[in-house]
Amino acid sequence: MKRKDEIIRLGIDVHGVADTFPDFFSKLSRELVSQGHEVHIITGTEHTRSLEHYLKNQLGLSWTHLFSMTTYHKKEGTEVTYIDGNPYMDNRLWNRSKGEYCRRNNIDLHIDNSDIYGKYFSTPYARLIDGVPHDEELIPLSEGGEWHATKASSEPTIYNAKTTCPLPTVSVEMVIAAFSGGELKILLPEKPGKPDYRVLPFLPFTPSEGGALEVCAVRILDTMTGLQDTWMEQLKTYGEARHLVTSYFSLVPEKAMAHQKGAWFSFREVMNGDTPHISPFHREVLTDFYERIKGKISYTPIAFALLEERFTWTELRSIYEAVLEKAIDPANFRKMIRAHYTIKSLKEKKVKATAGRPPELLTYQGTRDVY
């Protein structure tokens, strides 16, 4: 279960926001809810079963909380008048409703299309503007209450986060790991404009991209390694400075390191702070990645993703020892592996550069159904 300080709380308006970009907000809301975060649908429409049916079945939204301004004020005893089926009440009460709700519920960011409600917010408020060019890259600042939108060969345009903000920033980042020289290696390209800093490979995810977050992750993997069919899974969704990041990780064989799209660094050296410079946020992602594979390597075949198609017992055991950070008895290791996985011994032997009996080559043929 997530701690309270790890939960992202996102507010989403319906009219002009969710119903304008239904595919995007459907994917975003489902992803957040599935990861244990909170999605608050905030609307002026009265809370009825018809409304829930519309939100779920027509817009495809998922949510943890549904707040209706009309239903709330009717329960509070506010006078509500209906004209042509639309609710009307004191404008001051109406305009403050969303801001007060977000304050009470500690919403990290509310996305709306109104230029009126923003001034009543004490929590982060973003006005979504339809039609902003999608070739802009949004860079949220850690302080100052502003977002910079930048284009190639242009000066930054500043949008006040309280009143005007283009589409919410969502990106997919990926930890790509290989095993070489007896240790885990991580692929880290240069940070644009800052060659002394390194970052995890990423792509922005916007409604114009289409597809799912996983499609974006596959594009990153293909671009950085030339591979698509290898071990990949979702790691976690993070909230960073009003920016949502869904991280994936992929394990690739050593031959993928020849596809030069960045530099490979020792995972241990990166985490020890020796080299290179990475952000505290990316250090957190790498920590979560390591805890994930350390926990899964004993009961899933993830280690085989780091090997070539043909390998030796020593090569396989080296991966387990590096990840688990302990020596493993060779005889017990072989017994454990054969109990869980189907391993085929090949007739040919691995060519050795030194004298001695060459080790046998193996190939992985699947998981045994022993659970």
Protein backbone atom coordinates (compact mmCIF):
# COMPACT_ATOMS: atom_id res chain seq x y z
CA MET A 1 0.00 0.00 0.00
CA LYS A 2 1.31 3.45 -0.89
CA ARG A 3 2.13 5.99 1.82
CA LYS A 4 0.04 9.15 1.76
CA ASP A 5 3.01 11.20 0.57
CA GLU A 6 3.45 8.88 -2.43
CA ILE A 7 -0.13 9.25 -3.72
CA ILE A 8 -0.81 11.54 -6.67
CA ARG A 9 -4.15 13.36 -6.40
CA LEU A 10 -5.33 14.65 -9.77
CA GLY A 11 -8.53 16.62 -10.37
CA ILE A 12 -10.16 16.48 -13.83
CA ASP A 13 -13.02 18.63 -15.12
CA VAL A 14 -15.48 17.00 -17.51
CA HIS A 15 -16.88 19.64 -19.88
CA GLY A 16 -14.12 21.07 -22.07
CA VAL A 17 -11.47 18.76 -20.64
CA ALA A 18 -12.29 15.05 -20.32
CA ASP A 19 -14.92 15.20 -23.05
CA THR A 20 -12.57 17.14 -25.35
CA PHE A 21 -9.67 14.68 -25.08
CA PRO A 22 -11.45 11.49 -23.98
CA ASP A 23 -8.77 9.07 -25.20
CA PHE A 24 -6.02 10.88 -23.33
CA PHE A 25 -7.88 11.31 -20.05
CA SER A 26 -9.28 7.79 -20.24
CA LYS A 27 -5.76 6.35 -20.45
CA LEU A 28 -4.38 8.75 -17.87
CA SER A 29 -7.14 8.15 -15.31
CA ARG A 30 -7.02 4.36 -15.72
CA GLU A 31 -3.27 4.34 -15.34
CA LEU A 32 -3.31 6.44 -12.16
CA VAL A 33 -6.11 4.46 -10.51
CA SER A 34 -4.45 1.13 -11.36
CA GLN A 35 -1.25 2.35 -9.70
CA GLY A 36 -3.06 3.26 -6.45
CA HIS A 37 -3.30 7.02 -7.02
CA GLU A 38 -6.39 9.23 -6.71
CA VAL A 39 -8.40 10.65 -9.60
CA HIS A 40 -11.07 13.20 -8.63
CA ILE A 41 -13.67 13.89 -11.33
CA ILE A 42 -15.00 17.38 -10.55
CA THR A 43 -18.11 18.51 -12.43
CA GLY A 44 -21.06 20.86 -12.22
CA THR A 45 -23.48 18.17 -13.43
CA GLU A 46 -25.69 16.58 -10.79
CA HIS A 47 -24.48 13.19 -9.54
CA THR A 48 -26.77 10.54 -11.00
CA ARG A 49 -26.39 7.03 -12.37
CA SER A 50 -26.70 8.50 -15.84
CA LEU A 51 -23.70 10.71 -15.16
CA GLU A 52 -21.63 7.76 -13.93
CA HIS A 53 -22.66 5.73 -17.01
CA TYR A 54 -21.61 8.61 -19.28
CA LEU A 55 -18.25 9.07 -17.58
CA LYS A 56 -17.44 5.36 -17.50
CA ASN A 57 -18.90 4.00 -20.73
CA GLN A 58 -18.75 6.95 -23.10
CA LEU A 59 -15.65 8.82 -21.91
CA GLY A 60 -13.89 5.71 -20.56
CA LEU A 61 -12.82 7.44 -17.34
CA SER A 62 -11.74 5.79 -14.12
CA TRP A 63 -11.90 7.59 -10.79
CA THR A 64 -11.64 7.21 -7.05
CA HIS A 65 -13.74 10.28 -6.20
CA LEU A 66 -16.61 11.98 -8.03
CA PHE A 67 -17.55 15.48 -6.87
CA SER A 68 -20.68 17.17 -8.20
CA MET A 69 -20.92 20.87 -7.37
CA THR A 70 -24.71 20.82 -7.84
CA THR A 71 -25.26 17.77 -5.62
CA TYR A 72 -22.94 19.19 -2.95
CA HIS A 73 -24.73 22.55 -2.77
CA LYS A 74 -28.18 20.96 -2.75
CA LYS A 75 -27.13 18.89 0.28
CA GLU A 76 -25.76 22.07 1.90
CA GLY A 77 -29.13 23.75 1.43
CA THR A 78 -28.01 26.22 -1.24
CA GLU A 79 -30.84 27.49 -3.42
CA VAL A 80 -30.49 25.90 -6.86
CA THR A 81 -32.68 26.94 -9.80
CA TYR A 82 -32.98 24.92 -13.00
CA ILE A 83 -33.35 26.69 -16.35
CA ASP A 84 -33.64 24.48 -19.43
CA GLY A 85 -32.32 21.63 -17.31
CA ASN A 86 -29.16 23.50 -16.23
CA PRO A 87 -28.53 24.34 -12.54
CA TYR A 88 -28.01 27.96 -11.48
CA MET A 89 -27.01 29.38 -8.09
CA ASP A 90 -25.10 32.26 -6.53
CA ASN A 91 -22.05 32.76 -8.79
CA ARG A 92 -19.72 33.38 -5.87
CA LEU A 93 -20.59 30.03 -4.29
CA TRP A 94 -20.40 28.22 -7.62
CA ASN A 95 -17.04 29.69 -8.64
CA ARG A 96 -15.42 28.87 -5.30
CA SER A 97 -16.68 25.28 -5.16
CA LYS A 98 -13.92 23.56 -7.11
CA GLY A 99 -11.12 25.46 -5.43
CA GLU A 100 -12.48 24.72 -1.95
CA TYR A 101 -12.93 21.04 -2.79
CA CYS A 102 -9.33 20.78 -4.04
CA ARG A 103 -8.04 22.54 -0.93
CA ARG A 104 -9.99 20.19 1.38
CA ASN A 105 -8.70 17.11 -0.46
CA ASN A 106 -5.09 18.28 -1.02
CA ILE A 107 -5.33 17.92 -4.80
CA ASP A 108 -1.87 18.09 -6.39
CA LEU A 109 -3.18 19.47 -9.69
CA HIS A 110 -6.65 20.25 -11.05
CA ILE A 111 -7.12 20.51 -14.83
CA ASP A 112 -9.97 22.73 -16.02
CA ASN A 113 -10.84 24.83 -19.06
CA SER A 114 -12.22 27.87 -17.25
CA ASP A 115 -10.32 31.12 -16.82
CA ILE A 116 -12.63 32.07 -13.92
CA TYR A 117 -12.14 29.30 -11.36
CA GLY A 118 -8.35 29.63 -11.18
CA LYS A 119 -8.32 32.73 -8.98
CA TYR A 120 -10.25 30.84 -6.29
CA PHE A 121 -7.62 28.10 -6.03
CA SER A 122 -4.95 27.89 -3.37
CA THR A 123 -3.78 24.51 -4.76
CA PRO A 124 -2.20 24.00 -8.24
CA TYR A 125 -4.64 24.76 -11.06
CA ALA A 126 -4.00 24.29 -14.78
CA ARG A 127 -6.18 25.70 -17.50
CA LEU A 128 -6.22 23.39 -20.51
CA ILE A 129 -6.22 25.15 -23.84
CA ASP A 130 -7.33 23.25 -26.93
CA GLY A 131 -5.23 23.99 -29.99
CA VAL A 132 -1.80 24.59 -28.42
CA PRO A 133 0.80 23.11 -30.82
CA HIS A 134 1.89 19.64 -29.72
CA ASP A 135 5.49 20.17 -30.78
CA GLU A 136 6.06 22.23 -27.65
CA GLU A 137 7.94 20.55 -24.85
CA LEU A 138 6.70 21.49 -21.38
CA ILE A 139 9.29 21.77 -18.67
CA PRO A 140 7.72 22.19 -15.21
CA LEU A 141 9.77 24.34 -12.86
CA SER A 142 10.36 23.18 -9.31
CA GLU A 143 9.41 26.59 -7.92
CA GLY A 144 8.02 29.92 -9.04
CA GLY A 145 4.51 28.79 -10.00
CA GLU A 146 5.20 28.81 -13.74
CA TRP A 147 5.62 26.35 -16.60
CA HIS A 148 8.00 27.01 -19.47
CA ALA A 149 6.90 25.82 -22.90
CA THR A 150 9.82 25.67 -25.30
CA LYS A 151 10.19 25.08 -29.02
CA ALA A 152 13.32 24.46 -31.04
CA SER A 153 14.94 27.76 -32.07
CA SER A 154 12.60 29.88 -29.98
CA GLU A 155 12.62 31.79 -26.73
CA PRO A 156 10.63 30.22 -23.86
CA THR A 157 7.02 31.29 -23.56
CA ILE A 158 5.86 31.58 -19.95
CA TYR A 159 2.44 30.40 -18.85
CA ASN A 160 1.21 31.12 -15.34
CA ALA A 161 0.26 27.85 -13.73
CA LYS A 162 -2.60 29.52 -11.87
CA THR A 163 -4.42 30.70 -14.96
CA THR A 164 -3.14 29.25 -18.21
CA CYS A 165 -1.37 25.99 -18.97
CA PRO A 166 -1.20 23.91 -22.15
CA LEU A 167 -1.96 20.20 -22.07
CA PRO A 168 -0.84 18.46 -18.86
CA THR A 169 2.63 16.99 -19.14
CA VAL A 170 2.87 13.23 -19.07
CA SER A 171 5.94 11.31 -20.09
CA VAL A 172 7.17 7.73 -20.24
CA GLU A 173 10.67 6.98 -18.99
CA MET A 174 12.59 3.73 -19.18
CA VAL A 175 15.36 2.03 -17.27
CA ILE A 176 17.29 -0.08 -19.79
CA ALA A 177 19.70 -2.53 -18.18
CA ALA A 178 22.24 -5.00 -19.54
CA PHE A 179 24.80 -7.29 -17.90
CA SER A 180 28.44 -6.93 -18.92
CA GLY A 181 31.79 -7.41 -17.23
CA GLY A 182 30.19 -9.10 -14.26
CA GLU A 183 27.86 -6.22 -13.36
CA LEU A 184 24.63 -4.48 -14.29
CA LYS A 185 24.97 -1.59 -16.74
CA ILE A 186 22.41 1.21 -17.26
CA LEU A 187 21.84 3.17 -20.46
CA LEU A 188 21.88 6.92 -19.81
CA PRO A 189 21.82 9.43 -22.69
CA GLU A 190 22.98 13.02 -22.23
CA LYS A 191 20.56 15.57 -20.86
CA PRO A 192 19.70 18.01 -23.70
CA GLY A 193 21.83 21.13 -23.33
CA LYS A 194 23.73 19.70 -20.32
CA PRO A 195 26.29 17.14 -21.51
CA ASP A 196 27.67 16.71 -17.97
CA TYR A 197 24.31 15.34 -16.81
CA ARG A 198 22.65 12.07 -17.74
CA VAL A 199 18.97 11.11 -17.82
CA LEU A 200 16.80 8.05 -18.32
CA PRO A 201 15.53 7.69 -21.91
CA PHE A 202 12.06 9.25 -22.20
CA LEU A 203 9.35 10.39 -24.57
CA PRO A 204 6.47 12.80 -23.91
CA PHE A 205 3.01 11.24 -24.06
CA THR A 206 0.24 13.44 -25.46
CA PRO A 207 -3.25 12.85 -26.92
CA SER A 208 -1.83 13.29 -30.41
CA GLU A 209 0.46 10.28 -29.89
CA GLY A 210 -2.42 7.81 -29.81
CA GLY A 211 -2.00 4.28 -28.54
CA ALA A 212 -1.13 3.39 -24.97
CA LEU A 213 1.69 4.20 -22.58
CA GLU A 214 3.23 0.82 -23.39
CA VAL A 215 3.41 1.75 -27.09
CA CYS A 216 5.45 4.78 -26.09
CA ALA A 217 7.71 2.57 -23.97
CA VAL A 218 8.30 0.18 -26.91
CA ARG A 219 9.29 3.16 -29.08
CA ILE A 220 11.89 4.17 -26.51
CA LEU A 221 13.29 0.65 -26.34
CA ASP A 222 13.44 0.31 -30.12
CA THR A 223 15.11 3.70 -30.55
CA MET A 224 17.72 3.14 -27.85
CA THR A 225 18.57 -0.54 -28.44
CA GLY A 226 17.06 -1.63 -31.75
CA LEU A 227 15.06 -4.26 -29.83
CA GLN A 228 11.34 -4.70 -29.29
CA ASP A 229 10.92 -8.30 -28.20
CA THR A 230 12.65 -8.46 -24.83
CA TRP A 231 11.71 -8.32 -21.15
CA MET A 232 9.80 -5.12 -20.42
CA GLU A 233 7.37 -4.26 -17.66
CA GLN A 234 5.90 -1.22 -16.00
CA LEU A 235 7.68 -0.09 -12.86
CA LYS A 236 5.75 2.78 -11.26
CA THR A 237 3.96 6.10 -11.85
CA TYR A 238 5.47 9.15 -10.18
CA GLY A 239 4.42 12.75 -9.69
CA GLU A 240 7.27 15.21 -10.08
CA ALA A 241 6.69 18.98 -9.93
CA ARG A 242 3.16 18.69 -11.37
CA HIS A 243 4.48 16.36 -14.05
CA LEU A 244 3.35 12.73 -14.29
CA VAL A 245 5.96 10.11 -15.18
CA THR A 246 5.21 6.46 -15.86
CA SER A 247 8.39 4.43 -15.74
CA TYR A 248 9.13 1.08 -17.36
CA PHE A 249 12.20 -1.11 -17.24
CA SER A 250 13.67 -3.42 -19.82
CA LEU A 251 16.39 -6.07 -19.56
CA VAL A 252 18.44 -6.58 -22.72
CA PRO A 253 21.32 -8.90 -23.74
CA GLU A 254 24.86 -7.57 -23.93
CA LYS A 255 24.78 -7.35 -27.73
CA ALA A 256 22.26 -4.49 -27.44
CA MET A 257 25.00 -2.33 -25.94
CA ALA A 258 26.52 -2.00 -29.42
CA HIS A 259 23.49 0.04 -30.54
CA GLN A 260 24.98 3.39 -29.58
CA LYS A 261 22.19 5.71 -28.45
CA GLY A 262 23.72 6.97 -25.24
CA ALA A 263 26.38 5.63 -22.90
CA TRP A 264 26.32 2.63 -20.59
CA PHE A 265 27.33 3.11 -16.98
CA SER A 266 27.90 0.76 -14.06
CA PHE A 267 24.70 0.64 -12.04
CA ARG A 268 26.64 0.41 -8.79
CA GLU A 269 28.84 3.41 -9.63
CA VAL A 270 25.82 5.49 -10.60
CA MET A 271 24.03 4.67 -7.35
CA ASN A 272 27.20 5.39 -5.34
CA GLY A 273 27.35 8.84 -6.90
CA ASP A 274 30.71 8.22 -8.56
CA THR A 275 29.63 8.97 -12.13
CA PRO A 276 27.74 10.46 -13.90
CA HIS A 277 25.53 13.29 -12.59
CA ILE A 278 21.84 12.27 -12.45
CA SER A 279 18.86 13.91 -10.77
CA PRO A 280 17.60 12.77 -7.34
CA PHE A 281 14.36 11.78 -9.06
CA HIS A 282 16.13 9.43 -11.48
CA ARG A 283 18.11 8.01 -8.57
CA GLU A 284 14.77 7.18 -6.93
CA VAL A 285 13.56 5.46 -10.10
CA LEU A 286 16.77 3.40 -10.31
CA THR A 287 16.39 2.40 -6.66
CA ASP A 288 12.84 1.20 -7.32
CA PHE A 289 14.08 -0.68 -10.40
CA TYR A 290 16.77 -2.49 -8.43
CA GLU A 291 14.38 -3.46 -5.64
CA ARG A 292 11.97 -4.82 -8.26
CA ILE A 293 14.47 -7.09 -10.05
CA LYS A 294 16.10 -8.16 -6.79
CA GLY A 295 12.71 -9.31 -5.57
CA LYS A 296 11.67 -11.00 -8.83
CA ILE A 297 14.85 -12.77 -9.89
CA SER A 298 14.23 -15.67 -7.48
CA TYR A 299 10.81 -16.58 -8.88
CA THR A 300 10.68 -15.27 -12.47
CA PRO A 301 12.96 -15.90 -15.48
CA ILE A 302 14.10 -12.28 -15.79
CA ALA A 303 17.79 -13.22 -15.64
CA PHE A 304 17.56 -14.99 -19.00
CA ALA A 305 16.62 -11.69 -20.67
CA LEU A 306 20.13 -10.44 -19.86
CA LEU A 307 21.78 -13.39 -21.62
CA GLU A 308 22.41 -14.26 -25.24
CA GLU A 309 20.43 -17.16 -26.68
CA ARG A 310 23.28 -19.54 -25.79
CA PHE A 311 25.02 -19.19 -22.43
CA THR A 312 26.97 -21.04 -19.76
CA TRP A 313 26.16 -21.91 -16.16
CA THR A 314 28.80 -19.47 -14.98
CA GLU A 315 27.31 -16.61 -17.00
CA LEU A 316 23.84 -17.27 -15.62
CA ARG A 317 25.05 -17.62 -12.04
CA SER A 318 27.04 -14.39 -12.32
CA ILE A 319 23.82 -12.48 -12.96
CA TYR A 320 22.12 -13.94 -9.89
CA GLU A 321 25.16 -13.21 -7.73
CA ALA A 322 25.40 -9.61 -8.96
CA VAL A 323 21.71 -8.86 -8.41
CA LEU A 324 21.41 -10.68 -5.07
CA GLU A 325 24.84 -9.41 -3.95
CA LYS A 326 26.01 -12.75 -2.60
CA ALA A 327 27.97 -15.81 -3.67
CA ILE A 328 25.94 -18.87 -4.71
CA ASP A 329 27.09 -22.47 -4.56
CA PRO A 330 27.33 -23.74 -8.20
CA ALA A 331 25.85 -27.20 -7.52
CA ASN A 332 22.87 -25.86 -5.56
CA PHE A 333 22.36 -23.18 -8.20
CA ARG A 334 22.09 -25.71 -11.02
CA LYS A 335 19.64 -27.79 -9.01
CA MET A 336 17.47 -24.73 -8.28
CA ILE A 337 17.46 -23.54 -11.90
CA ARG A 338 16.59 -26.96 -13.32
CA ALA A 339 13.76 -27.29 -10.79
CA HIS A 340 12.09 -24.12 -12.05
CA TYR A 341 13.11 -23.80 -15.70
CA THR A 342 13.63 -26.03 -18.72
CA ILE A 343 17.31 -25.78 -19.66
CA LYS A 344 18.69 -27.65 -22.66
CA SER A 345 22.35 -28.60 -22.91
CA LEU A 346 23.76 -28.09 -26.40
CA LYS A 347 26.31 -30.32 -28.12
CA GLU A 348 28.73 -27.55 -28.93
CA LYS A 349 31.01 -26.04 -26.31
CA LYS A 350 31.96 -22.45 -25.62
CA VAL A 351 35.34 -21.59 -27.10
CA LYS A 352 37.80 -20.61 -24.39
CA ALA A 353 40.81 -18.34 -24.81
CA THR A 354 42.69 -20.26 -22.12
CA ALA A 355 43.60 -23.92 -21.69
CA GLY A 356 41.18 -26.28 -20.01
CA ARG A 357 37.91 -28.01 -20.64
CA PRO A 358 35.49 -25.69 -22.45
CA PRO A 359 32.18 -25.13 -20.62
CA GLU A 360 28.96 -26.51 -22.04
CA LEU A 361 26.53 -24.17 -23.75
CA LEU A 362 22.90 -24.01 -22.65
CA THR A 363 19.65 -22.56 -23.91
CA TYR A 364 16.55 -21.55 -22.00
CA GLN A 365 13.33 -23.24 -23.15
CA GLY A 366 10.71 -22.02 -20.70
CA THR A 367 9.37 -22.10 -17.16
CA ARG A 368 8.32 -25.31 -15.47
CA ASP A 369 4.77 -25.33 -14.09
CA VAL A 370 5.74 -25.93 -10.46
CA TYR A 371 3.88 -23.14 -8.65
